Amino acid sequence: MIGHLAYAAGSPCPTFVLDAGRLPRDEEALLAHLAEARRYLVSAGGAHVLKFALVEPSAHPMFDLDYRFVQALPGAPDRFDTRGSCGHSILAAVVAASRSGMLPRLVPGARIRVHVRNNGNSVVCEADRIERDEAGFTVTFVHPAPVPFPDLLPAGRPRTVLGSGGERAEVSLVASANAYAFVDARTLGVPDQAALFAAGQQLLDRLEGIRGAAADRLGWPRAGAFPKIAAVLPAERGGIAVRAVTVSGWHPSIALTGVVCLGSAARIPGTVPWRVAREHGAGDGPVDVFTPGGRTAVTAVTAAPGTAGGQGALLWATVARKRVTFQGSFVLAPLSHLQFEEVAKCLALSGAA
């Protein structure tokens, strides 16, 4: 079986892309197979690769590609979370599927429609730029029908108070692309963007504690990867500054699904991101998002109040200028010494991305 590595800029690691049609359909057998693949990656220097994408051509006429995300968890090669999705890995999967012949060759203007098997999301990846080993995309998370704002709030309200480690924290639990807990960093003693981006282990531990309390609130396992959590506050130049957490610590930027969820939350009255966005007078257009890894922007398009139960609804959310680099393919089988060296070299390059 052939595996492919691709890296979406801003992600904490590359994604390992596999053909789902060649994998077991039974969940237990599938995860056992992925555990072996992970052991193989570790032996070749790829312990940092914690994202798996399982793809195959879609049988549904509305989609080109069926995609399933599997998050590898630290601690042991057989620990995984299949609950959520990953936007960066979706893009990596599209590039790998095109390179392998599963999809037609990508050209500027091509639109690949992806069905996310984990949560039912519909994602359109439009190729803006194609080079030898790199592609640029505009990504849109679309909904077949308007999603009323209350349906995006799993706690049933814009803000929820959670108890963690003897303290109480007000968060917004929002589920759009992925489930996130957003907390105003200033309520945790972080005054501004510079302090947020420089914060270390103490803030990380507090956010992990709040994330655990959010998992309890949703009835999900604390040891899993979801819900995600991010601290936000007004950015220095307008927009929202955000520091996000991933399974291995601080995220170098923020997940693509996190940007989508943040942009959606910023349109829902009363949420923490909505209040933060409006401190600089943000309107209903694109929201600038600043992270330690750079700047991006998200546009969440909503229906006016009164069109979906009187409270507004989400139609779609778009993020532009996403870049993916294809890093190589190799056979998951006993390798010769020379082949193993090539795989290790590829993994070493991906680790430096």
Protein backbone atom coordinates (compact mmCIF):
# COMPACT_ATOMS: atom_id res chain seq x y z
CA MET A 1 0.00 0.00 0.00
CA ILE A 2 1.27 3.48 -0.88
CA GLY A 3 1.19 6.37 1.58
CA HIS A 4 1.58 10.04 0.72
CA LEU A 5 2.89 12.94 2.79
CA ALA A 6 1.67 16.49 2.27
CA TYR A 7 2.04 19.57 4.45
CA ALA A 8 -0.45 22.45 4.65
CA ALA A 9 1.24 25.64 5.82
CA GLY A 10 0.19 26.53 9.35
CA SER A 11 -0.40 22.94 10.43
CA PRO A 12 1.62 21.49 13.34
CA CYS A 13 2.69 18.52 11.19
CA PRO A 14 2.26 16.91 7.77
CA THR A 15 -0.64 14.60 6.97
CA PHE A 16 -0.16 10.96 6.02
CA VAL A 17 -2.71 10.20 3.30
CA LEU A 18 -3.92 6.65 2.62
CA ASP A 19 -6.38 5.08 0.18
CA ALA A 20 -9.45 4.17 2.26
CA GLY A 21 -10.52 1.63 -0.34
CA ARG A 22 -7.49 -0.50 0.54
CA LEU A 23 -8.09 -0.37 4.29
CA PRO A 24 -10.41 -2.46 6.49
CA ARG A 25 -13.94 -1.13 6.94
CA ASP A 26 -14.25 -2.60 10.43
CA GLU A 27 -13.28 0.08 12.96
CA GLU A 28 -11.17 -2.15 15.18
CA ALA A 29 -9.28 -3.65 12.25
CA LEU A 30 -8.81 -0.21 10.70
CA LEU A 31 -7.28 1.29 13.83
CA ALA A 32 -5.01 -1.73 14.23
CA HIS A 33 -3.82 -1.17 10.66
CA LEU A 34 -3.21 2.52 11.34
CA ALA A 35 -1.29 1.65 14.49
CA GLU A 36 1.07 -0.47 12.38
CA ALA A 37 1.43 2.38 9.89
CA ARG A 38 2.24 4.72 12.76
CA ARG A 39 4.90 2.35 14.11
CA TYR A 40 6.39 2.30 10.64
CA LEU A 41 6.45 6.09 10.49
CA VAL A 42 8.07 6.31 13.91
CA SER A 43 10.78 3.84 12.89
CA ALA A 44 11.53 6.00 9.84
CA GLY A 45 11.78 9.21 11.86
CA GLY A 46 8.16 10.29 11.52
CA ALA A 47 7.02 10.35 15.15
CA HIS A 48 5.91 13.96 14.59
CA VAL A 49 3.32 12.89 11.96
CA LEU A 50 0.09 12.77 13.97
CA LYS A 51 -2.51 13.33 11.25
CA PHE A 52 -3.95 10.59 9.03
CA ALA A 53 -6.32 11.19 6.11
CA LEU A 54 -8.24 8.27 4.60
CA VAL A 55 -9.62 9.10 1.16
CA GLU A 56 -11.41 7.51 -1.78
CA PRO A 57 -13.50 8.69 -4.74
CA SER A 58 -16.99 9.56 -3.57
CA ALA A 59 -19.97 7.57 -4.78
CA HIS A 60 -22.20 10.58 -4.07
CA PRO A 61 -22.90 12.75 -7.13
CA MET A 62 -22.40 15.95 -5.13
CA PHE A 63 -18.83 15.12 -4.10
CA ASP A 64 -15.53 14.19 -5.68
CA LEU A 65 -13.76 12.81 -2.63
CA ASP A 66 -14.77 11.05 0.58
CA TYR A 67 -12.41 11.97 3.41
CA ARG A 68 -12.02 10.68 6.94
CA PHE A 69 -9.65 12.20 9.48
CA VAL A 70 -7.89 10.24 12.21
CA GLN A 71 -5.92 12.14 14.86
CA ALA A 72 -3.04 10.18 16.36
CA LEU A 73 -2.60 10.91 20.07
CA PRO A 74 0.69 11.05 21.95
CA GLY A 75 1.62 8.26 24.32
CA ALA A 76 1.27 5.07 22.30
CA PRO A 77 1.03 4.12 18.61
CA ASP A 78 -2.50 2.71 18.98
CA ARG A 79 -4.09 5.86 20.47
CA PHE A 80 -6.40 7.71 18.06
CA ASP A 81 -9.36 10.10 18.03
CA THR A 82 -11.81 9.90 15.12
CA ARG A 83 -14.38 12.38 16.45
CA GLY A 84 -13.44 15.56 14.59
CA SER A 85 -11.95 16.80 11.34
CA CYS A 86 -8.92 18.79 10.14
CA GLY A 87 -9.05 21.42 7.42
CA HIS A 88 -5.30 21.39 6.79
CA SER A 89 -5.46 17.63 6.31
CA ILE A 90 -8.36 17.99 3.87
CA LEU A 91 -6.14 20.14 1.66
CA ALA A 92 -3.23 17.71 2.04
CA ALA A 93 -5.57 14.87 1.04
CA VAL A 94 -6.78 16.72 -2.07
CA VAL A 95 -3.20 17.29 -3.26
CA ALA A 96 -2.19 13.69 -2.53
CA ALA A 97 -5.30 12.30 -4.23
CA SER A 98 -4.54 14.32 -7.33
CA ARG A 99 -0.90 13.24 -7.37
CA SER A 100 -1.87 9.57 -7.00
CA GLY A 101 -4.44 9.66 -9.83
CA MET A 102 -7.46 9.28 -7.55
CA LEU A 103 -8.56 12.74 -8.69
CA PRO A 104 -7.89 14.53 -11.97
CA ARG A 105 -4.76 16.63 -12.17
CA LEU A 106 -5.22 19.92 -10.38
CA VAL A 107 -5.33 23.07 -12.49
CA PRO A 108 -6.09 26.67 -11.47
CA GLY A 109 -9.83 27.08 -11.07
CA ALA A 110 -10.49 23.40 -10.33
CA ARG A 111 -12.98 22.82 -7.53
CA ILE A 112 -12.73 19.63 -5.50
CA ARG A 113 -15.83 18.87 -3.43
CA VAL A 114 -15.01 16.90 -0.29
CA HIS A 115 -17.40 14.98 1.94
CA VAL A 116 -16.05 14.75 5.50
CA ARG A 117 -17.11 11.37 6.84
CA ASN A 118 -16.32 12.29 10.48
CA ASN A 119 -18.99 14.97 10.84
CA GLY A 120 -20.81 15.33 7.51
CA ASN A 121 -19.16 18.62 6.52
CA SER A 122 -19.12 19.68 2.88
CA VAL A 123 -15.90 21.41 1.85
CA VAL A 124 -15.06 22.99 -1.51
CA CYS A 125 -11.34 23.34 -2.24
CA GLU A 126 -10.73 25.70 -5.15
CA ALA A 127 -7.23 25.62 -6.64
CA ASP A 128 -5.88 29.14 -7.08
CA ARG A 129 -2.28 28.32 -7.99
CA ILE A 130 -0.54 25.10 -9.04
CA GLU A 131 3.22 24.62 -9.12
CA ARG A 132 5.42 21.53 -9.28
CA ASP A 133 5.08 20.41 -5.65
CA GLU A 134 2.91 23.19 -4.23
CA ALA A 135 -0.67 24.33 -4.57
CA GLY A 136 -2.65 27.31 -3.28
CA PHE A 137 -6.33 27.06 -2.36
CA THR A 138 -9.39 28.96 -1.29
CA VAL A 139 -11.42 26.75 1.05
CA THR A 140 -15.15 27.04 1.70
CA PHE A 141 -17.13 25.10 4.29
CA VAL A 142 -20.66 25.07 2.89
CA HIS A 143 -24.03 23.96 4.24
CA PRO A 144 -26.84 22.51 2.11
CA ALA A 145 -29.30 24.57 4.16
CA PRO A 146 -28.87 27.51 6.56
CA VAL A 147 -27.77 26.32 10.01
CA PRO A 148 -29.58 28.28 12.75
CA PHE A 149 -27.17 29.84 15.24
CA PRO A 150 -28.59 27.83 18.17
CA ASP A 151 -27.60 24.62 16.35
CA LEU A 152 -23.97 25.82 16.43
CA LEU A 153 -24.00 26.16 20.23
CA PRO A 154 -23.72 22.68 21.79
CA ALA A 155 -24.10 24.09 25.31
CA GLY A 156 -27.36 25.78 24.29
CA ARG A 157 -26.17 29.35 24.92
CA PRO A 158 -23.54 31.80 23.61
CA ARG A 159 -21.44 31.64 26.79
CA THR A 160 -21.03 28.96 29.43
CA VAL A 161 -19.17 29.01 32.75
CA LEU A 162 -16.95 25.99 33.33
CA GLY A 163 -15.11 24.95 36.47
CA SER A 164 -11.47 23.89 36.15
CA GLY A 165 -8.82 23.39 38.83
CA GLY A 166 -10.67 25.41 41.42
CA GLU A 167 -11.34 28.36 39.08
CA ARG A 168 -14.27 29.23 36.88
CA ALA A 169 -13.89 30.30 33.26
CA GLU A 170 -16.46 31.73 30.87
CA VAL A 171 -16.21 30.16 27.41
CA SER A 172 -18.17 29.98 24.20
CA LEU A 173 -18.68 26.43 22.98
CA VAL A 174 -19.19 26.61 19.21
CA ALA A 175 -19.40 23.73 16.73
CA SER A 176 -18.68 24.81 13.17
CA ALA A 177 -16.25 22.64 11.16
CA ASN A 178 -15.01 21.43 14.57
CA ALA A 179 -16.11 21.99 18.14
CA TYR A 180 -14.14 24.73 19.93
CA ALA A 181 -14.09 26.37 23.32
CA PHE A 182 -13.19 30.06 23.00
CA VAL A 183 -12.07 31.98 26.09
CA ASP A 184 -11.19 35.67 26.43
CA ALA A 185 -7.49 35.61 27.32
CA ARG A 186 -7.90 38.74 29.45
CA THR A 187 -10.07 36.80 31.90
CA LEU A 188 -7.02 34.56 32.44
CA GLY A 189 -4.73 37.50 33.21
CA VAL A 190 -3.29 37.93 29.69
CA PRO A 191 -3.57 41.65 28.84
CA ASP A 192 -2.72 41.91 25.13
CA GLN A 193 -1.58 40.25 21.93
CA ALA A 194 2.14 40.34 22.76
CA ALA A 195 1.59 38.68 26.11
CA LEU A 196 -0.71 36.08 24.56
CA PHE A 197 1.83 35.08 21.91
CA ALA A 198 4.66 34.96 24.48
CA ALA A 199 2.73 32.92 27.06
CA GLY A 200 4.23 29.60 28.06
CA GLN A 201 3.42 26.45 29.96
CA GLN A 202 1.34 28.04 32.71
CA LEU A 203 -1.30 29.39 30.31
CA LEU A 204 -1.15 26.19 28.26
CA ASP A 205 -1.90 24.12 31.37
CA ARG A 206 -4.83 26.37 32.31
CA LEU A 207 -6.28 26.10 28.82
CA GLU A 208 -5.86 22.33 28.86
CA GLY A 209 -7.79 22.25 32.13
CA ILE A 210 -10.60 24.33 30.65
CA ARG A 211 -10.62 22.14 27.56
CA GLY A 212 -11.03 19.10 29.80
CA ALA A 213 -14.00 20.75 31.52
CA ALA A 214 -15.48 21.53 28.09
CA ALA A 215 -15.09 17.86 27.11
CA ASP A 216 -16.91 16.90 30.32
CA ARG A 217 -19.69 19.33 29.45
CA LEU A 218 -20.10 17.72 26.02
CA GLY A 219 -19.82 14.18 27.36
CA TRP A 220 -16.60 13.52 25.44
CA PRO A 221 -13.43 11.86 26.79
CA ARG A 222 -10.88 14.24 28.29
CA ALA A 223 -8.04 12.21 26.81
CA GLY A 224 -9.24 12.84 23.24
CA ALA A 225 -8.37 15.68 20.89
CA PHE A 226 -11.80 17.35 20.86
CA PRO A 227 -13.17 19.85 21.58
CA LYS A 228 -10.33 22.18 20.68
CA ILE A 229 -9.61 25.30 22.68
CA ALA A 230 -8.29 28.77 21.84
CA ALA A 231 -7.72 32.00 23.78
CA VAL A 232 -8.73 35.21 21.99
CA LEU A 233 -8.54 38.97 22.51
CA PRO A 234 -8.59 42.11 20.35
CA ALA A 235 -5.59 42.24 17.99
CA GLU A 236 -3.27 45.24 17.94
CA ARG A 237 -4.22 46.17 14.37
CA GLY A 238 -7.89 45.26 14.52
CA GLY A 239 -9.43 41.85 14.20
CA ILE A 240 -8.85 38.98 16.61
CA ALA A 241 -5.60 37.68 18.08
CA VAL A 242 -5.79 33.98 18.91
CA ARG A 243 -3.56 31.36 20.54
CA ALA A 244 -4.72 27.81 19.94
CA VAL A 245 -3.85 24.46 21.48
CA THR A 246 -3.23 21.22 19.60
CA VAL A 247 -2.61 17.67 20.86
CA SER A 248 1.13 18.22 21.21
CA GLY A 249 1.01 21.66 22.88
CA TRP A 250 0.73 25.13 21.40
CA HIS A 251 -0.47 25.20 17.80
CA PRO A 252 2.02 27.09 15.56
CA SER A 253 -0.91 29.09 14.15
CA ILE A 254 -4.50 27.83 14.32
CA ALA A 255 -6.27 24.96 12.65
CA LEU A 256 -8.12 25.75 9.43
CA THR A 257 -11.27 24.40 11.07
CA GLY A 258 -10.44 26.69 14.01
CA VAL A 259 -10.39 29.74 11.74
CA VAL A 260 -13.75 28.68 10.30
CA CYS A 261 -15.21 28.10 13.76
CA LEU A 262 -13.83 31.41 15.01
CA GLY A 263 -15.27 33.29 12.03
CA SER A 264 -18.64 31.63 12.57
CA ALA A 265 -18.58 32.38 16.31
CA ALA A 266 -17.79 36.03 15.57
CA ARG A 267 -21.15 36.29 13.78
CA ILE A 268 -23.20 34.78 16.62
CA PRO A 269 -24.38 37.53 18.99
CA GLY A 270 -23.21 37.17 22.57
CA THR A 271 -20.30 34.77 22.05
CA VAL A 272 -16.81 35.60 23.29
CA PRO A 273 -15.44 36.03 19.71
CA TRP A 274 -18.45 38.20 18.79
CA ARG A 275 -17.73 40.55 21.69
CA VAL A 276 -13.98 40.64 20.97
CA ALA A 277 -14.51 41.35 17.25
CA ARG A 278 -16.76 44.27 18.02
CA GLU A 279 -14.32 46.01 20.32
CA HIS A 280 -12.65 47.36 17.16
CA GLY A 281 -15.96 47.98 15.46
CA ALA A 282 -15.81 44.91 13.20
CA GLY A 283 -18.79 44.56 10.94
CA ASP A 284 -20.13 41.63 8.97
CA GLY A 285 -17.26 41.32 6.48
CA PRO A 286 -13.99 39.38 6.68
CA VAL A 287 -12.45 38.92 10.13
CA ASP A 288 -8.68 39.32 10.32
CA VAL A 289 -7.15 36.61 12.50
CA PHE A 290 -3.64 37.03 13.94
CA THR A 291 -1.65 34.09 15.35
CA PRO A 292 2.01 33.54 16.29
CA GLY A 293 2.37 31.99 12.82
CA GLY A 294 1.00 34.96 10.89
CA ARG A 295 -2.20 36.54 9.66
CA THR A 296 -5.18 35.03 7.88
CA ALA A 297 -8.76 36.06 7.29
CA VAL A 298 -12.12 34.33 7.32
CA THR A 299 -15.46 35.37 5.89
CA ALA A 300 -18.54 33.77 7.43
CA VAL A 301 -21.71 34.44 5.45
CA THR A 302 -24.96 34.35 7.39
CA ALA A 303 -28.67 34.73 6.76
CA ALA A 304 -30.32 37.73 8.35
CA PRO A 305 -32.22 37.30 11.62
CA GLY A 306 -35.76 36.22 10.92
CA THR A 307 -34.82 33.77 8.16
CA ALA A 308 -34.05 30.80 10.42
CA GLY A 309 -36.16 30.81 13.52
CA GLY A 310 -35.61 34.51 14.03
CA GLN A 311 -32.00 34.24 15.25
CA GLY A 312 -29.91 34.14 12.09
CA ALA A 313 -28.12 31.22 10.48
CA LEU A 314 -24.77 30.26 8.99
CA LEU A 315 -24.56 29.68 5.22
CA TRP A 316 -20.86 29.17 4.57
CA ALA A 317 -17.39 30.24 5.69
CA THR A 318 -14.38 30.86 3.44
CA VAL A 319 -10.63 31.04 4.05
CA ALA A 320 -8.27 32.05 1.23
CA ARG A 321 -4.54 31.79 0.50
CA LYS A 322 -3.93 28.33 1.94
CA ARG A 323 -0.75 26.64 0.72
CA VAL A 324 0.04 22.91 0.50
CA THR A 325 3.35 21.21 -0.32
CA PHE A 326 3.48 17.62 -1.56
CA GLN A 327 6.38 15.89 0.18
CA GLY A 328 6.50 12.40 -1.27
CA SER A 329 5.08 8.89 -1.52
CA PHE A 330 6.33 5.51 -0.39
CA VAL A 331 5.22 1.91 -0.02
CA LEU A 332 4.11 0.66 3.40
CA ALA A 333 5.97 -2.63 3.15
CA PRO A 334 9.37 -4.03 4.13
CA LEU A 335 11.89 -1.69 2.55
CA SER A 336 15.39 -2.03 1.27
CA HIS A 337 18.03 0.01 3.09
CA LEU A 338 18.11 2.55 0.26
CA GLN A 339 14.29 2.95 0.25
CA PHE A 340 14.27 3.37 4.01
CA GLU A 341 16.85 6.15 3.77
CA GLU A 342 14.69 7.95 1.22
CA VAL A 343 11.62 7.70 3.45
CA ALA A 344 13.59 8.95 6.44
CA LYS A 345 14.88 11.89 4.38
CA CYS A 346 11.33 12.79 3.34
CA LEU A 347 10.14 12.62 6.96
CA ALA A 348 13.08 14.73 8.14
CA LEU A 349 12.16 17.42 5.62
CA SER A 350 8.52 17.32 6.72
CA GLY A 351 9.59 17.74 10.33
CA ALA A 352 11.37 20.96 9.43
CA ALA A 353 8.30 22.40 7.66
